[in-house]
Amino acid sequence: MLLNVVDSFVSYASIVFIDFATPMVVTGIGTSFVKGTMFDTNGPSKNCIPDHANDRIQVPLDGVYEVACASSFGDGNNVTFDVAVFAGPIGATVETTVKFKRKLGNGGDVGVAMDRCHLALNADDVVELYFKSDGTNKQAEVYKVGLYVRRIG
């Protein structure tokens, strides 16, 4: 019986987009957060539900989860991008403390940025990734992006 309790406690999942040869060009990024819709692969999972088709991960149980996001992206011309994890019920997610800012200089810089934090989530909450910029109609070339969730308590 103890094994079943421990097994149900273990929950993790990831969704990713990886294509170093042909990046995903995301256009129309403005000063308000918009949901990232570039994920194309479900990663390993147990109990959590990775859903790359809807660009989210759903958690099965109330608890504390380690949530991380990382991205390699570029383009822009002296543009600052904010990337944030939103979490909550489907259709009503809110910005969390998992976020990062990256400024791209002239000449199509490409770099990696990431953040990770612990979030208290409720059963059936979803975790999603959102983007915004310091201007209107900005674009980013995404070479890799990942969203990762792991229950820790």
C-alpha atoms as a PDB file:
ATOM      1  CA  MET A   1       0.000   0.000   0.000  1.00  0.00           C
ATOM      2  CA  LEU A   2       2.828   2.418   0.816  1.00  0.00           C
ATOM      3  CA  LEU A   3       4.209   1.975  -2.706  1.00  0.00           C
ATOM      4  CA  ASN A   4       0.899   3.133  -4.212  1.00  0.00           C
ATOM      5  CA  VAL A   5       0.852   6.247  -2.006  1.00  0.00           C
ATOM      6  CA  VAL A   6       4.427   7.108  -2.952  1.00  0.00           C
ATOM      7  CA  ASP A   7       3.778   6.369  -6.618  1.00  0.00           C
ATOM      8  CA  SER A   8       0.757   8.696  -6.726  1.00  0.00           C
ATOM      9  CA  PHE A   9       2.847  11.454  -5.144  1.00  0.00           C
ATOM     10  CA  VAL A  10       5.367  11.363  -8.009  1.00  0.00           C
ATOM     11  CA  SER A  11       4.121  13.743 -10.711  1.00  0.00           C
ATOM     12  CA  TYR A  12       6.030  15.455 -13.506  1.00  0.00           C
ATOM     13  CA  ALA A  13       5.725  16.480 -17.143  1.00  0.00           C
ATOM     14  CA  SER A  14       7.227  18.669 -19.833  1.00  0.00           C
ATOM     15  CA  ILE A  15       6.345  20.150 -23.205  1.00  0.00           C
ATOM     16  CA  VAL A  16       8.976  21.421 -25.623  1.00  0.00           C
ATOM     17  CA  PHE A  17       9.760  22.918 -28.999  1.00  0.00           C
ATOM     18  CA  ILE A  18      13.222  22.144 -30.396  1.00  0.00           C
ATOM     19  CA  ASP A  19      14.284  22.969 -33.928  1.00  0.00           C
ATOM     20  CA  PHE A  20      17.711  24.566 -34.151  1.00  0.00           C
ATOM     21  CA  ALA A  21      17.674  24.399 -37.962  1.00  0.00           C
ATOM     22  CA  THR A  22      14.326  26.138 -38.486  1.00  0.00           C
ATOM     23  CA  PRO A  23      13.237  28.350 -35.600  1.00  0.00           C
ATOM     24  CA  MET A  24       9.604  29.139 -34.899  1.00  0.00           C
ATOM     25  CA  VAL A  25       9.013  32.787 -35.827  1.00  0.00           C
ATOM     26  CA  VAL A  26       6.565  34.353 -33.379  1.00  0.00           C
ATOM     27  CA  THR A  27       5.156  37.649 -34.664  1.00  0.00           C
ATOM     28  CA  GLY A  28       2.909  40.363 -33.287  1.00  0.00           C
ATOM     29  CA  ILE A  29       4.318  40.330 -29.761  1.00  0.00           C
ATOM     30  CA  GLY A  30       3.150  43.492 -27.988  1.00  0.00           C
ATOM     31  CA  THR A  31       3.122  45.035 -24.534  1.00  0.00           C
ATOM     32  CA  SER A  32       0.431  42.688 -23.144  1.00  0.00           C
ATOM     33  CA  PHE A  33       1.123  39.039 -22.378  1.00  0.00           C
ATOM     34  CA  VAL A  34       0.024  36.548 -25.057  1.00  0.00           C
ATOM     35  CA  LYS A  35       0.069  32.782 -24.715  1.00  0.00           C
ATOM     36  CA  GLY A  36       2.950  30.973 -26.407  1.00  0.00           C
ATOM     37  CA  THR A  37       1.669  28.507 -28.979  1.00  0.00           C
ATOM     38  CA  MET A  38       4.860  26.941 -30.290  1.00  0.00           C
ATOM     39  CA  PHE A  39       5.149  23.659 -28.397  1.00  0.00           C
ATOM     40  CA  ASP A  40       5.244  20.562 -30.620  1.00  0.00           C
ATOM     41  CA  THR A  41       6.319  17.673 -28.380  1.00  0.00           C
ATOM     42  CA  ASN A  42       5.203  16.155 -25.083  1.00  0.00           C
ATOM     43  CA  GLY A  43       8.139  15.189 -22.908  1.00  0.00           C
ATOM     44  CA  PRO A  44       8.313  12.402 -20.332  1.00  0.00           C
ATOM     45  CA  SER A  45       5.479  12.449 -17.818  1.00  0.00           C
ATOM     46  CA  LYS A  46       3.971  10.643 -14.885  1.00  0.00           C
ATOM     47  CA  ASN A  47       0.555  11.582 -13.458  1.00  0.00           C
ATOM     48  CA  CYS A  48       0.736  15.177 -14.837  1.00  0.00           C
ATOM     49  CA  ILE A  49      -0.782  15.654 -18.294  1.00  0.00           C
ATOM     50  CA  PRO A  50       1.484  17.235 -20.915  1.00  0.00           C
ATOM     51  CA  ASP A  51      -0.603  18.752 -23.725  1.00  0.00           C
ATOM     52  CA  HIS A  52       1.566  20.323 -26.437  1.00  0.00           C
ATOM     53  CA  ALA A  53      -1.475  20.662 -28.715  1.00  0.00           C
ATOM     54  CA  ASN A  54      -2.972  23.165 -26.232  1.00  0.00           C
ATOM     55  CA  ASP A  55       0.426  24.444 -25.007  1.00  0.00           C
ATOM     56  CA  ARG A  56      -0.066  23.541 -21.345  1.00  0.00           C
ATOM     57  CA  ILE A  57       0.592  21.018 -18.591  1.00  0.00           C
ATOM     58  CA  GLN A  58      -2.187  19.960 -16.221  1.00  0.00           C
ATOM     59  CA  VAL A  59      -1.409  18.869 -12.643  1.00  0.00           C
ATOM     60  CA  PRO A  60      -3.326  16.010 -10.981  1.00  0.00           C
ATOM     61  CA  LEU A  61      -3.153  16.889  -7.282  1.00  0.00           C
ATOM     62  CA  ASP A  62      -3.054  19.830  -4.898  1.00  0.00           C
ATOM     63  CA  GLY A  63       0.527  20.489  -3.877  1.00  0.00           C
ATOM     64  CA  VAL A  64       3.727  22.404  -4.304  1.00  0.00           C
ATOM     65  CA  TYR A  65       5.304  22.059  -7.738  1.00  0.00           C
ATOM     66  CA  GLU A  66       8.675  23.095  -9.049  1.00  0.00           C
ATOM     67  CA  VAL A  67       7.905  24.890 -12.309  1.00  0.00           C
ATOM     68  CA  ALA A  68      10.625  25.872 -14.767  1.00  0.00           C
ATOM     69  CA  CYS A  69      10.788  27.402 -18.203  1.00  0.00           C
ATOM     70  CA  ALA A  70      13.769  27.919 -20.464  1.00  0.00           C
ATOM     71  CA  SER A  71      14.105  29.311 -23.952  1.00  0.00           C
ATOM     72  CA  SER A  72      16.711  29.962 -26.609  1.00  0.00           C
ATOM     73  CA  PHE A  73      15.474  32.779 -28.824  1.00  0.00           C
ATOM     74  CA  GLY A  74      16.662  35.719 -30.842  1.00  0.00           C
ATOM     75  CA  ASP A  75      15.843  38.226 -33.586  1.00  0.00           C
ATOM     76  CA  GLY A  76      14.415  41.574 -32.717  1.00  0.00           C
ATOM     77  CA  ASN A  77      16.385  44.759 -32.937  1.00  0.00           C
ATOM     78  CA  ASN A  78      17.135  46.220 -29.535  1.00  0.00           C
ATOM     79  CA  VAL A  79      13.969  44.653 -28.067  1.00  0.00           C
ATOM     80  CA  THR A  80      13.245  43.495 -24.528  1.00  0.00           C
ATOM     81  CA  PHE A  81      11.057  40.410 -24.061  1.00  0.00           C
ATOM     82  CA  ASP A  82       9.360  39.233 -20.866  1.00  0.00           C
ATOM     83  CA  VAL A  83       8.517  35.547 -20.546  1.00  0.00           C
ATOM     84  CA  ALA A  84       6.262  34.365 -17.709  1.00  0.00           C
ATOM     85  CA  VAL A  85       4.563  31.200 -16.544  1.00  0.00           C
ATOM     86  CA  PHE A  86       0.840  31.579 -15.915  1.00  0.00           C
ATOM     87  CA  ALA A  87      -1.022  29.003 -13.795  1.00  0.00           C
ATOM     88  CA  GLY A  88      -4.522  28.280 -12.548  1.00  0.00           C
ATOM     89  CA  PRO A  89      -7.782  26.807 -13.798  1.00  0.00           C
ATOM     90  CA  ILE A  90      -8.155  26.280 -17.557  1.00  0.00           C
ATOM     91  CA  GLY A  91      -9.170  29.605 -19.107  1.00  0.00           C
ATOM     92  CA  ALA A  92      -8.356  31.604 -15.969  1.00  0.00           C
ATOM     93  CA  THR A  93      -4.604  31.358 -15.491  1.00  0.00           C
ATOM     94  CA  VAL A  94      -2.710  34.213 -13.831  1.00  0.00           C
ATOM     95  CA  GLU A  95       0.898  35.383 -13.918  1.00  0.00           C
ATOM     96  CA  THR A  96       3.212  33.641 -11.434  1.00  0.00           C
ATOM     97  CA  THR A  97       6.665  34.384 -10.025  1.00  0.00           C
ATOM     98  CA  VAL A  98       8.294  32.147 -12.656  1.00  0.00           C
ATOM     99  CA  LYS A  99       9.476  34.700 -15.219  1.00  0.00           C
ATOM    100  CA  PHE A 100      12.473  36.225 -16.918  1.00  0.00           C
ATOM    101  CA  LYS A 101      13.427  39.226 -19.024  1.00  0.00           C
ATOM    102  CA  ARG A 102      15.833  39.189 -21.977  1.00  0.00           C
ATOM    103  CA  LYS A 103      17.041  42.138 -24.014  1.00  0.00           C
ATOM    104  CA  LEU A 104      18.136  41.464 -27.580  1.00  0.00           C
ATOM    105  CA  GLY A 105      20.641  43.893 -29.040  1.00  0.00           C
ATOM    106  CA  ASN A 106      21.209  44.828 -32.652  1.00  0.00           C
ATOM    107  CA  GLY A 107      22.189  42.169 -35.149  1.00  0.00           C
ATOM    108  CA  GLY A 108      19.880  39.288 -34.251  1.00  0.00           C
ATOM    109  CA  ASP A 109      21.347  38.161 -30.933  1.00  0.00           C
ATOM    110  CA  VAL A 110      20.396  34.651 -29.791  1.00  0.00           C
ATOM    111  CA  GLY A 111      20.652  33.559 -26.184  1.00  0.00           C
ATOM    112  CA  VAL A 112      19.187  31.425 -23.452  1.00  0.00           C
ATOM    113  CA  ALA A 113      17.114  32.579 -20.499  1.00  0.00           C
ATOM    114  CA  MET A 114      15.340  30.559 -17.814  1.00  0.00           C
ATOM    115  CA  ASP A 115      13.688  30.657 -14.404  1.00  0.00           C
ATOM    116  CA  ARG A 116      12.413  28.169 -11.872  1.00  0.00           C
ATOM    117  CA  CYS A 117      10.306  28.548  -8.743  1.00  0.00           C
ATOM    118  CA  HIS A 118       8.004  26.630  -6.394  1.00  0.00           C
ATOM    119  CA  LEU A 119       4.274  27.189  -6.892  1.00  0.00           C
ATOM    120  CA  ALA A 120       1.281  26.010  -4.864  1.00  0.00           C
ATOM    121  CA  LEU A 121      -1.177  24.563  -7.380  1.00  0.00           C
ATOM    122  CA  ASN A 122      -4.604  22.979  -7.088  1.00  0.00           C
ATOM    123  CA  ALA A 123      -5.722  19.719  -8.674  1.00  0.00           C
ATOM    124  CA  ASP A 124      -6.539  20.216 -12.379  1.00  0.00           C
ATOM    125  CA  ASP A 125      -4.695  23.567 -12.605  1.00  0.00           C
ATOM    126  CA  VAL A 126      -2.743  24.152 -15.796  1.00  0.00           C
ATOM    127  CA  VAL A 127       0.648  25.751 -16.372  1.00  0.00           C
ATOM    128  CA  GLU A 128       1.196  27.809 -19.554  1.00  0.00           C
ATOM    129  CA  LEU A 129       3.879  30.112 -21.004  1.00  0.00           C
ATOM    130  CA  TYR A 130       3.237  33.739 -22.016  1.00  0.00           C
ATOM    131  CA  PHE A 131       5.312  36.401 -23.820  1.00  0.00           C
ATOM    132  CA  LYS A 132       5.320  40.199 -24.144  1.00  0.00           C
ATOM    133  CA  SER A 133       7.724  42.856 -25.446  1.00  0.00           C
ATOM    134  CA  ASP A 134       8.599  46.479 -24.846  1.00  0.00           C
ATOM    135  CA  GLY A 135       6.854  47.593 -28.047  1.00  0.00           C
ATOM    136  CA  THR A 136       4.188  46.702 -30.559  1.00  0.00           C
ATOM    137  CA  ASN A 137       4.298  44.081 -33.286  1.00  0.00           C
ATOM    138  CA  LYS A 138       7.706  42.653 -32.287  1.00  0.00           C
ATOM    139  CA  GLN A 139       8.973  39.263 -33.432  1.00  0.00           C
ATOM    140  CA  ALA A 140      11.155  36.549 -31.924  1.00  0.00           C
ATOM    141  CA  GLU A 141      12.789  33.490 -33.477  1.00  0.00           C
ATOM    142  CA  VAL A 142      12.420  30.629 -30.989  1.00  0.00           C
ATOM    143  CA  TYR A 143      15.018  27.869 -31.370  1.00  0.00           C
ATOM    144  CA  LYS A 144      14.086  25.930 -28.248  1.00  0.00           C
ATOM    145  CA  VAL A 145      11.574  26.384 -25.459  1.00  0.00           C
ATOM    146  CA  GLY A 146      10.599  24.063 -22.645  1.00  0.00           C
ATOM    147  CA  LEU A 147       8.050  24.118 -19.841  1.00  0.00           C
ATOM    148  CA  TYR A 148       8.680  21.704 -16.960  1.00  0.00           C
ATOM    149  CA  VAL A 149       6.568  20.740 -13.917  1.00  0.00           C
ATOM    150  CA  ARG A 150       7.492  18.455 -10.990  1.00  0.00           C
ATOM    151  CA  ARG A 151       5.532  17.890  -7.765  1.00  0.00           C
ATOM    152  CA  ILE A 152       7.746  18.295  -4.695  1.00  0.00           C
ATOM    153  CA  GLY A 153       5.289  18.513  -1.809  1.00  0.00           C
END
